[in-house]
C-alpha cells in the first residue's frame, strides 16, 4: 500500500452548503480513519480546501474512495489533486 496526499480546493461560494454537509463528510472520513484508509485529515484554516492523507493500492482506489465523499456527491469540491507521497522522516515514514 502507498500513501497519497489528497488536496481538496473549495469555492468560497459553497461555504454554506459545506457547513450543511460537514457532519456527513466528517462521519465518512471518521469511518475511513477507523478502517485505516485515512491516516490524517483536516481543513486549511482559511477555508480554501483540505488535505487528506490516504493509504491505498493506487490512484484509482483513491479516486473510488473520494467519489463516496458527501462533499463530492453534493458537488462541493472545486478541484481534487492526488499525489502519491513517500514520507522519509517523521510520523508517516
PDB file of N, CA and C in Angstrom:
ATOM      1  N   UNK A   1       0.842  -1.186   0.000  1.00  0.00           N
ATOM      2  CA  UNK A   1       0.000   0.000   0.000  1.00  0.00           C
ATOM      3  C   UNK A   1       0.879   1.237   0.000  1.00  0.00           C
ATOM      4  N   UNK A   2       0.378   2.256  -0.629  1.00  0.00           N
ATOM      5  CA  UNK A   2       1.094   3.526  -0.729  1.00  0.00           C
ATOM      6  C   UNK A   2       0.303   4.618  -0.028  1.00  0.00           C
ATOM      7  N   UNK A   3       0.984   5.704   0.275  1.00  0.00           N
ATOM      8  CA  UNK A   3       0.321   6.879   0.827  1.00  0.00           C
ATOM      9  C   UNK A   3       0.111   7.903  -0.280  1.00  0.00           C
ATOM     10  N   UNK A   4      -1.014   8.599  -0.197  1.00  0.00           N
ATOM     11  CA  UNK A   4      -1.362   9.625  -1.166  1.00  0.00           C
ATOM     12  C   UNK A   4      -1.765  10.886  -0.424  1.00  0.00           C
ATOM     13  N   UNK A   5      -1.264  12.017  -0.901  1.00  0.00           N
ATOM     14  CA  UNK A   5      -1.682  13.319  -0.391  1.00  0.00           C
ATOM     15  C   UNK A   5      -2.797  13.804  -1.306  1.00  0.00           C
ATOM     16  N   UNK A   6      -3.965  13.980  -0.730  1.00  0.00           N
ATOM     17  CA  UNK A   6      -5.131  14.443  -1.477  1.00  0.00           C
ATOM     18  C   UNK A   6      -5.419  15.867  -1.037  1.00  0.00           C
ATOM     19  N   UNK A   7      -5.466  16.755  -2.008  1.00  0.00           N
ATOM     20  CA  UNK A   7      -5.748  18.152  -1.709  1.00  0.00           C
ATOM     21  C   UNK A   7      -7.079  18.536  -2.347  1.00  0.00           C
ATOM     22  N   UNK A   8      -8.007  18.958  -1.500  1.00  0.00           N
ATOM     23  CA  UNK A   8      -9.292  19.482  -1.962  1.00  0.00           C
ATOM     24  C   UNK A   8      -9.182  20.999  -2.042  1.00  0.00           C
ATOM     25  N   UNK A   9      -9.799  21.585  -3.067  1.00  0.00           N
ATOM     26  CA  UNK A   9      -9.957  23.035  -3.161  1.00  0.00           C
ATOM     27  C   UNK A   9     -11.453  23.334  -3.168  1.00  0.00           C
ATOM     28  N   UNK A  10     -11.847  24.361  -2.431  1.00  0.00           N
ATOM     29  CA  UNK A  10     -13.249  24.734  -2.331  1.00  0.00           C
ATOM     30  C   UNK A  10     -13.492  26.116  -2.911  1.00  0.00           C
ATOM     31  N   UNK A  11     -14.653  26.299  -3.500  1.00  0.00           N
ATOM     32  CA  UNK A  11     -15.116  27.605  -3.953  1.00  0.00           C
ATOM     33  C   UNK A  11     -15.711  28.313  -2.734  1.00  0.00           C
ATOM     34  N   UNK A  12     -15.305  29.548  -2.448  1.00  0.00           N
ATOM     35  CA  UNK A  12     -15.863  30.259  -1.294  1.00  0.00           C
ATOM     36  C   UNK A  12     -17.394  30.349  -1.327  1.00  0.00           C
ATOM     37  N   UNK A  13     -17.976  30.325  -2.509  1.00  0.00           N
ATOM     38  CA  UNK A  13     -19.427  30.433  -2.637  1.00  0.00           C
ATOM     39  C   UNK A  13     -20.161  29.206  -2.087  1.00  0.00           C
ATOM     40  N   UNK A  14     -19.450  28.092  -1.874  1.00  0.00           N
ATOM     41  CA  UNK A  14     -20.100  26.870  -1.384  1.00  0.00           C
ATOM     42  C   UNK A  14     -19.980  26.716   0.134  1.00  0.00           C
ATOM     43  N   UNK A  15     -19.518  27.734   0.818  1.00  0.00           N
ATOM     44  CA  UNK A  15     -19.278  27.647   2.257  1.00  0.00           C
ATOM     45  C   UNK A  15     -20.524  27.211   3.038  1.00  0.00           C
ATOM     46  N   UNK A  16     -21.661  27.822   2.770  1.00  0.00           N
ATOM     47  CA  UNK A  16     -22.892  27.483   3.490  1.00  0.00           C
ATOM     48  C   UNK A  16     -23.303  26.042   3.228  1.00  0.00           C
ATOM     49  N   UNK A  17     -23.209  25.601   1.987  1.00  0.00           N
ATOM     50  CA  UNK A  17     -23.553  24.212   1.654  1.00  0.00           C
ATOM     51  C   UNK A  17     -22.585  23.234   2.314  1.00  0.00           C
ATOM     52  N   UNK A  18     -21.302  23.588   2.364  1.00  0.00           N
ATOM     53  CA  UNK A  18     -20.335  22.718   3.042  1.00  0.00           C
ATOM     54  C   UNK A  18     -20.659  22.605   4.526  1.00  0.00           C
ATOM     55  N   UNK A  19     -21.066  23.720   5.138  1.00  0.00           N
ATOM     56  CA  UNK A  19     -21.459  23.679   6.544  1.00  0.00           C
ATOM     57  C   UNK A  19     -22.605  22.692   6.749  1.00  0.00           C
ATOM     58  N   UNK A  20     -23.562  22.674   5.831  1.00  0.00           N
ATOM     59  CA  UNK A  20     -24.711  21.777   5.948  1.00  0.00           C
ATOM     60  C   UNK A  20     -24.319  20.309   5.788  1.00  0.00           C
ATOM     61  N   UNK A  21     -23.332  20.030   4.933  1.00  0.00           N
ATOM     62  CA  UNK A  21     -22.916  18.650   4.652  1.00  0.00           C
ATOM     63  C   UNK A  21     -21.730  18.189   5.509  1.00  0.00           C
ATOM     64  N   UNK A  22     -21.147  19.107   6.300  1.00  0.00           N
ATOM     65  CA  UNK A  22     -19.943  18.772   7.072  1.00  0.00           C
ATOM     66  C   UNK A  22     -20.142  17.591   8.032  1.00  0.00           C
ATOM     67  N   UNK A  23     -21.261  17.481   8.759  1.00  0.00           N
ATOM     68  CA  UNK A  23     -21.401  16.310   9.644  1.00  0.00           C
ATOM     69  C   UNK A  23     -21.305  14.983   8.889  1.00  0.00           C
ATOM     70  N   UNK A  24     -21.939  14.880   7.736  1.00  0.00           N
ATOM     71  CA  UNK A  24     -21.869  13.637   6.947  1.00  0.00           C
ATOM     72  C   UNK A  24     -20.464  13.431   6.393  1.00  0.00           C
ATOM     73  N   UNK A  25     -19.828  14.515   5.957  1.00  0.00           N
ATOM     74  CA  UNK A  25     -18.461  14.443   5.435  1.00  0.00           C
ATOM     75  C   UNK A  25     -17.512  13.936   6.517  1.00  0.00           C
ATOM     76  N   UNK A  26     -17.619  14.489   7.708  1.00  0.00           N
ATOM     77  CA  UNK A  26     -16.722  14.075   8.803  1.00  0.00           C
ATOM     78  C   UNK A  26     -17.032  12.663   9.284  1.00  0.00           C
ATOM     79  N   UNK A  27     -18.287  12.268   9.252  1.00  0.00           N
ATOM     80  CA  UNK A  27     -18.628  10.886   9.615  1.00  0.00           C
ATOM     81  C   UNK A  27     -18.027   9.918   8.600  1.00  0.00           C
ATOM     82  N   UNK A  28     -18.084  10.266   7.322  1.00  0.00           N
ATOM     83  CA  UNK A  28     -17.483   9.446   6.260  1.00  0.00           C
ATOM     84  C   UNK A  28     -15.980   9.335   6.474  1.00  0.00           C
ATOM     85  N   UNK A  29     -15.329  10.467   6.715  1.00  0.00           N
ATOM     86  CA  UNK A  29     -13.887  10.452   6.978  1.00  0.00           C
ATOM     87  C   UNK A  29     -13.558   9.636   8.225  1.00  0.00           C
ATOM     88  N   UNK A  30     -14.354   9.810   9.283  1.00  0.00           N
ATOM     89  CA  UNK A  30     -14.123   9.066  10.518  1.00  0.00           C
ATOM     90  C   UNK A  30     -14.192   7.563  10.311  1.00  0.00           C
ATOM     91  N   UNK A  31     -15.114   7.125   9.474  1.00  0.00           N
ATOM     92  CA  UNK A  31     -15.192   5.702   9.151  1.00  0.00           C
ATOM     93  C   UNK A  31     -13.944   5.217   8.441  1.00  0.00           C
ATOM     94  N   UNK A  32     -13.410   6.044   7.550  1.00  0.00           N
ATOM     95  CA  UNK A  32     -12.186   5.669   6.839  1.00  0.00           C
ATOM     96  C   UNK A  32     -10.968   5.688   7.761  1.00  0.00           C
ATOM     97  N   UNK A  33     -10.979   6.574   8.757  1.00  0.00           N
ATOM     98  CA  UNK A  33      -9.907   6.576   9.757  1.00  0.00           C
ATOM     99  C   UNK A  33      -9.956   5.263  10.541  1.00  0.00           C
ATOM    100  N   UNK A  34     -11.143   4.863  10.962  1.00  0.00           N
ATOM    101  CA  UNK A  34     -11.299   3.610  11.710  1.00  0.00           C
ATOM    102  C   UNK A  34     -10.828   2.399  10.889  1.00  0.00           C
ATOM    103  N   UNK A  35     -11.020   2.441   9.571  1.00  0.00           N
ATOM    104  CA  UNK A  35     -10.600   1.352   8.681  1.00  0.00           C
ATOM    105  C   UNK A  35      -9.106   1.406   8.363  1.00  0.00           C
ATOM    106  N   UNK A  36      -8.434   2.504   8.730  1.00  0.00           N
ATOM    107  CA  UNK A  36      -7.016   2.659   8.420  1.00  0.00           C
ATOM    108  C   UNK A  36      -6.743   3.174   7.022  1.00  0.00           C
ATOM    109  N   UNK A  37      -7.787   3.616   6.324  1.00  0.00           N
ATOM    110  CA  UNK A  37      -7.632   4.140   4.962  1.00  0.00           C
ATOM    111  C   UNK A  37      -7.164   5.590   5.001  1.00  0.00           C
ATOM    112  N   UNK A  38      -7.802   6.393   5.829  1.00  0.00           N
ATOM    113  CA  UNK A  38      -7.385   7.786   6.010  1.00  0.00           C
ATOM    114  C   UNK A  38      -6.475   7.826   7.230  1.00  0.00           C
ATOM    115  N   UNK A  39      -5.270   8.329   7.008  1.00  0.00           N
ATOM    116  CA  UNK A  39      -4.280   8.403   8.092  1.00  0.00           C
ATOM    117  C   UNK A  39      -4.344   9.735   8.830  1.00  0.00           C
ATOM    118  N   UNK A  40      -4.767  10.781   8.133  1.00  0.00           N
ATOM    119  CA  UNK A  40      -4.930  12.093   8.751  1.00  0.00           C
ATOM    120  C   UNK A  40      -5.737  12.964   7.797  1.00  0.00           C
ATOM    121  N   UNK A  41      -6.414  13.952   8.348  1.00  0.00           N
ATOM    122  CA  UNK A  41      -7.238  14.823   7.519  1.00  0.00           C
ATOM    123  C   UNK A  41      -7.493  16.124   8.256  1.00  0.00           C
ATOM    124  N   UNK A  42      -7.655  17.188   7.508  1.00  0.00           N
ATOM    125  CA  UNK A  42      -8.031  18.454   8.118  1.00  0.00           C
ATOM    126  C   UNK A  42      -8.123  19.571   7.108  1.00  0.00           C
ATOM    127  N   UNK A  43      -8.945  20.579   7.441  1.00  0.00           N
ATOM    128  CA  UNK A  43      -9.119  21.723   6.547  1.00  0.00           C
ATOM    129  C   UNK A  43      -7.983  22.726   6.701  1.00  0.00           C
ATOM    130  N   UNK A  44      -7.819  23.539   5.672  1.00  0.00           N
ATOM    131  CA  UNK A  44      -6.911  24.671   5.768  1.00  0.00           C
ATOM    132  C   UNK A  44      -7.622  25.774   6.564  1.00  0.00           C
ATOM    133  N   UNK A  45      -6.906  26.484   7.419  1.00  0.00           N
ATOM    134  CA  UNK A  45      -7.539  27.497   8.263  1.00  0.00           C
ATOM    135  C   UNK A  45      -8.288  28.595   7.497  1.00  0.00           C
ATOM    136  N   UNK A  46      -7.879  28.871   6.268  1.00  0.00           N
ATOM    137  CA  UNK A  46      -8.544  29.935   5.502  1.00  0.00           C
ATOM    138  C   UNK A  46      -9.802  29.452   4.787  1.00  0.00           C
ATOM    139  N   UNK A  47     -10.153  28.159   4.928  1.00  0.00           N
ATOM    140  CA  UNK A  47     -11.362  27.625   4.305  1.00  0.00           C
ATOM    141  C   UNK A  47     -11.240  27.323   2.827  1.00  0.00           C
ATOM    142  N   UNK A  48     -10.046  27.449   2.273  1.00  0.00           N
ATOM    143  CA  UNK A  48      -9.860  27.259   0.828  1.00  0.00           C
ATOM    144  C   UNK A  48      -9.818  25.805   0.401  1.00  0.00           C
ATOM    145  N   UNK A  49      -9.658  24.881   1.362  1.00  0.00           N
ATOM    146  CA  UNK A  49      -9.570  23.474   0.993  1.00  0.00           C
ATOM    147  C   UNK A  49      -9.172  22.631   2.181  1.00  0.00           C
ATOM    148  N   UNK A  50      -8.680  21.439   1.867  1.00  0.00           N
ATOM    149  CA  UNK A  50      -8.303  20.493   2.917  1.00  0.00           C
ATOM    150  C   UNK A  50      -7.239  19.550   2.393  1.00  0.00           C
ATOM    151  N   UNK A  51      -6.548  18.901   3.326  1.00  0.00           N
ATOM    152  CA  UNK A  51      -5.556  17.884   2.997  1.00  0.00           C
ATOM    153  C   UNK A  51      -5.996  16.582   3.655  1.00  0.00           C
ATOM    154  N   UNK A  52      -5.956  15.496   2.888  1.00  0.00           N
ATOM    155  CA  UNK A  52      -6.311  14.174   3.391  1.00  0.00           C
ATOM    156  C   UNK A  52      -5.168  13.237   3.016  1.00  0.00           C
ATOM    157  N   UNK A  53      -4.622  12.532   4.000  1.00  0.00           N
ATOM    158  CA  UNK A  53      -3.580  11.534   3.740  1.00  0.00           C
ATOM    159  C   UNK A  53      -4.277  10.173   3.687  1.00  0.00           C
ATOM    160  N   UNK A  54      -4.183   9.518   2.527  1.00  0.00           N
ATOM    161  CA  UNK A  54      -4.911   8.277   2.260  1.00  0.00           C
ATOM    162  C   UNK A  54      -3.927   7.147   1.987  1.00  0.00           C
ATOM    163  N   UNK A  55      -4.198   5.978   2.551  1.00  0.00           N
ATOM    164  CA  UNK A  55      -3.434   4.780   2.232  1.00  0.00           C
ATOM    165  C   UNK A  55      -4.269   3.934   1.278  1.00  0.00           C
ATOM    166  N   UNK A  56      -3.685   3.606   0.125  1.00  0.00           N
ATOM    167  CA  UNK A  56      -4.427   2.854  -0.896  1.00  0.00           C
ATOM    168  C   UNK A  56      -3.448   2.149  -1.825  1.00  0.00           C
ATOM    169  N   UNK A  57      -3.987   1.258  -2.629  1.00  0.00           N
ATOM    170  CA  UNK A  57      -3.161   0.495  -3.571  1.00  0.00           C
ATOM    171  C   UNK A  57      -2.668   1.374  -4.715  1.00  0.00           C
ATOM    172  N   UNK A  58      -3.514   2.292  -5.190  1.00  0.00           N
ATOM    173  CA  UNK A  58      -3.149   3.118  -6.340  1.00  0.00           C
ATOM    174  C   UNK A  58      -4.114   4.304  -6.445  1.00  0.00           C
ATOM    175  N   UNK A  59      -3.876   5.165  -7.430  1.00  0.00           N
ATOM    176  CA  UNK A  59      -4.704   6.360  -7.579  1.00  0.00           C
ATOM    177  C   UNK A  59      -6.147   6.008  -7.937  1.00  0.00           C
ATOM    178  N   UNK A  60      -6.363   4.908  -8.641  1.00  0.00           N
ATOM    179  CA  UNK A  60      -7.737   4.505  -8.952  1.00  0.00           C
ATOM    180  C   UNK A  60      -8.510   4.178  -7.678  1.00  0.00           C
ATOM    181  N   UNK A  61      -7.861   3.515  -6.736  1.00  0.00           N
ATOM    182  CA  UNK A  61      -8.502   3.193  -5.462  1.00  0.00           C
ATOM    183  C   UNK A  61      -8.803   4.468  -4.676  1.00  0.00           C
ATOM    184  N   UNK A  62      -7.894   5.437  -4.728  1.00  0.00           N
ATOM    185  CA  UNK A  62      -8.125   6.721  -4.062  1.00  0.00           C
ATOM    186  C   UNK A  62      -9.334   7.408  -4.692  1.00  0.00           C
ATOM    187  N   UNK A  63      -9.369   7.469  -6.010  1.00  0.00           N
ATOM    188  CA  UNK A  63     -10.472   8.119  -6.717  1.00  0.00           C
ATOM    189  C   UNK A  63     -11.808   7.454  -6.379  1.00  0.00           C
ATOM    190  N   UNK A  64     -11.815   6.134  -6.297  1.00  0.00           N
ATOM    191  CA  UNK A  64     -13.050   5.418  -5.955  1.00  0.00           C
ATOM    192  C   UNK A  64     -13.531   5.810  -4.566  1.00  0.00           C
ATOM    193  N   UNK A  65     -12.615   5.894  -3.621  1.00  0.00           N
ATOM    194  CA  UNK A  65     -12.982   6.291  -2.255  1.00  0.00           C
ATOM    195  C   UNK A  65     -13.492   7.722  -2.227  1.00  0.00           C
ATOM    196  N   UNK A  66     -12.795   8.625  -2.901  1.00  0.00           N
ATOM    197  CA  UNK A  66     -13.169  10.036  -2.873  1.00  0.00           C
ATOM    198  C   UNK A  66     -14.543  10.274  -3.485  1.00  0.00           C
ATOM    199  N   UNK A  67     -14.942   9.445  -4.423  1.00  0.00           N
ATOM    200  CA  UNK A  67     -16.255   9.613  -5.047  1.00  0.00           C
ATOM    201  C   UNK A  67     -17.387   9.355  -4.053  1.00  0.00           C
ATOM    202  N   UNK A  68     -17.081   8.693  -2.932  1.00  0.00           N
ATOM    203  CA  UNK A  68     -18.076   8.407  -1.894  1.00  0.00           C
ATOM    204  C   UNK A  68     -18.246   9.557  -0.898  1.00  0.00           C
ATOM    205  N   UNK A  69     -17.370  10.547  -0.961  1.00  0.00           N
ATOM    206  CA  UNK A  69     -17.404  11.667  -0.020  1.00  0.00           C
ATOM    207  C   UNK A  69     -18.711  12.449  -0.189  1.00  0.00           C
ATOM    208  N   UNK A  70     -19.438  12.707   0.895  1.00  0.00           N
ATOM    209  CA  UNK A  70     -20.650  13.524   0.788  1.00  0.00           C
ATOM    210  C   UNK A  70     -20.410  14.893   0.156  1.00  0.00           C
ATOM    211  N   UNK A  71     -19.242  15.494   0.389  1.00  0.00           N
ATOM    212  CA  UNK A  71     -18.928  16.755  -0.287  1.00  0.00           C
ATOM    213  C   UNK A  71     -18.881  16.553  -1.804  1.00  0.00           C
ATOM    214  N   UNK A  72     -18.275  15.459  -2.251  1.00  0.00           N
ATOM    215  CA  UNK A  72     -18.183  15.180  -3.692  1.00  0.00           C
ATOM    216  C   UNK A  72     -19.568  14.930  -4.276  1.00  0.00           C
ATOM    217  N   UNK A  73     -20.369  14.138  -3.576  1.00  0.00           N
ATOM    218  CA  UNK A  73     -21.717  13.830  -4.061  1.00  0.00           C
ATOM    219  C   UNK A  73     -22.575  15.079  -4.189  1.00  0.00           C
ATOM    220  N   UNK A  74     -22.318  16.075  -3.328  1.00  0.00           N
ATOM    221  CA  UNK A  74     -23.077  17.326  -3.363  1.00  0.00           C
ATOM    222  C   UNK A  74     -22.451  18.366  -4.291  1.00  0.00           C
ATOM    223  N   UNK A  75     -21.339  18.013  -4.953  1.00  0.00           N
ATOM    224  CA  UNK A  75     -20.682  18.942  -5.880  1.00  0.00           C
ATOM    225  C   UNK A  75     -20.004  20.106  -5.192  1.00  0.00           C
ATOM    226  N   UNK A  76     -19.463  19.886  -3.987  1.00  0.00           N
ATOM    227  CA  UNK A  76     -18.891  20.974  -3.196  1.00  0.00           C
ATOM    228  C   UNK A  76     -17.373  21.065  -3.264  1.00  0.00           C
ATOM    229  N   UNK A  77     -16.745  20.205  -4.046  1.00  0.00           N
ATOM    230  CA  UNK A  77     -15.290  20.239  -4.187  1.00  0.00           C
ATOM    231  C   UNK A  77     -14.972  20.810  -5.562  1.00  0.00           C
ATOM    232  N   UNK A  78     -14.267  21.923  -5.569  1.00  0.00           N
ATOM    233  CA  UNK A  78     -13.945  22.591  -6.827  1.00  0.00           C
ATOM    234  C   UNK A  78     -12.869  21.832  -7.598  1.00  0.00           C
ATOM    235  N   UNK A  79     -11.849  21.350  -6.887  1.00  0.00           N
ATOM    236  CA  UNK A  79     -10.745  20.651  -7.530  1.00  0.00           C
ATOM    237  C   UNK A  79     -10.161  19.631  -6.560  1.00  0.00           C
ATOM    238  N   UNK A  80      -9.705  18.501  -7.102  1.00  0.00           N
ATOM    239  CA  UNK A  80      -9.040  17.474  -6.309  1.00  0.00           C
ATOM    240  C   UNK A  80      -7.688  17.192  -6.938  1.00  0.00           C
ATOM    241  N   UNK A  81      -6.667  17.213  -6.126  1.00  0.00           N
ATOM    242  CA  UNK A  81      -5.314  16.883  -6.580  1.00  0.00           C
ATOM    243  C   UNK A  81      -4.836  15.694  -5.757  1.00  0.00           C
ATOM    244  N   UNK A  82      -4.415  14.625  -6.426  1.00  0.00           N
ATOM    245  CA  UNK A  82      -3.951  13.413  -5.755  1.00  0.00           C
ATOM    246  C   UNK A  82      -2.515  13.148  -6.175  1.00  0.00           C
ATOM    247  N   UNK A  83      -1.632  13.043  -5.189  1.00  0.00           N
ATOM    248  CA  UNK A  83      -0.228  12.734  -5.464  1.00  0.00           C
ATOM    249  C   UNK A  83       0.216  11.596  -4.565  1.00  0.00           C
ATOM    250  N   UNK A  84       0.871  10.598  -5.146  1.00  0.00           N
ATOM    251  CA  UNK A  84       1.487   9.591  -4.309  1.00  0.00           C
ATOM    252  C   UNK A  84       2.588  10.278  -3.524  1.00  0.00           C
ATOM    253  N   UNK A  85       2.732   9.887  -2.282  1.00  0.00           N
ATOM    254  CA  UNK A  85       3.639  10.591  -1.373  1.00  0.00           C
ATOM    255  C   UNK A  85       4.522   9.567  -0.677  1.00  0.00           C
ATOM    256  N   UNK A  86       5.816   9.849  -0.627  1.00  0.00           N
ATOM    257  CA  UNK A  86       6.777   8.955   0.020  1.00  0.00           C
ATOM    258  C   UNK A  86       7.425   9.684   1.185  1.00  0.00           C
ATOM    259  N   UNK A  87       6.868   9.546   2.384  1.00  0.00           N
ATOM    260  CA  UNK A  87       7.479  10.195   3.536  1.00  0.00           C
ATOM    261  C   UNK A  87       8.794   9.499   3.890  1.00  0.00           C
ATOM    262  N   UNK A  88       9.806  10.273   4.202  1.00  0.00           N
ATOM    263  CA  UNK A  88      11.102   9.703   4.552  1.00  0.00           C
ATOM    264  C   UNK A  88      11.478   9.952   6.012  1.00  0.00           C
ATOM    265  N   UNK A  89      10.760  10.858   6.679  1.00  0.00           N
ATOM    266  CA  UNK A  89      11.014  11.137   8.092  1.00  0.00           C
ATOM    267  C   UNK A  89       9.689  11.446   8.771  1.00  0.00           C
ATOM    268  N   UNK A  90       9.663  11.222  10.064  1.00  0.00           N
ATOM    269  CA  UNK A  90       8.512  11.616  10.849  1.00  0.00           C
ATOM    270  C   UNK A  90       7.464  10.534  11.014  1.00  0.00           C
ATOM    271  N   UNK A  91       6.295  10.968  11.453  1.00  0.00           N
ATOM    272  CA  UNK A  91       5.216  10.079  11.838  1.00  0.00           C
ATOM    273  C   UNK A  91       4.792   9.105  10.753  1.00  0.00           C
ATOM    274  N   UNK A  92       4.744   9.528   9.520  1.00  0.00           N
ATOM    275  CA  UNK A  92       4.228   8.688   8.445  1.00  0.00           C
ATOM    276  C   UNK A  92       5.295   7.834   7.760  1.00  0.00           C
ATOM    277  N   UNK A  93       6.560   7.981   8.157  1.00  0.00           N
ATOM    278  CA  UNK A  93       7.620   7.236   7.475  1.00  0.00           C
ATOM    279  C   UNK A  93       7.789   5.841   8.057  1.00  0.00           C
TER     280      UNK A  93
END
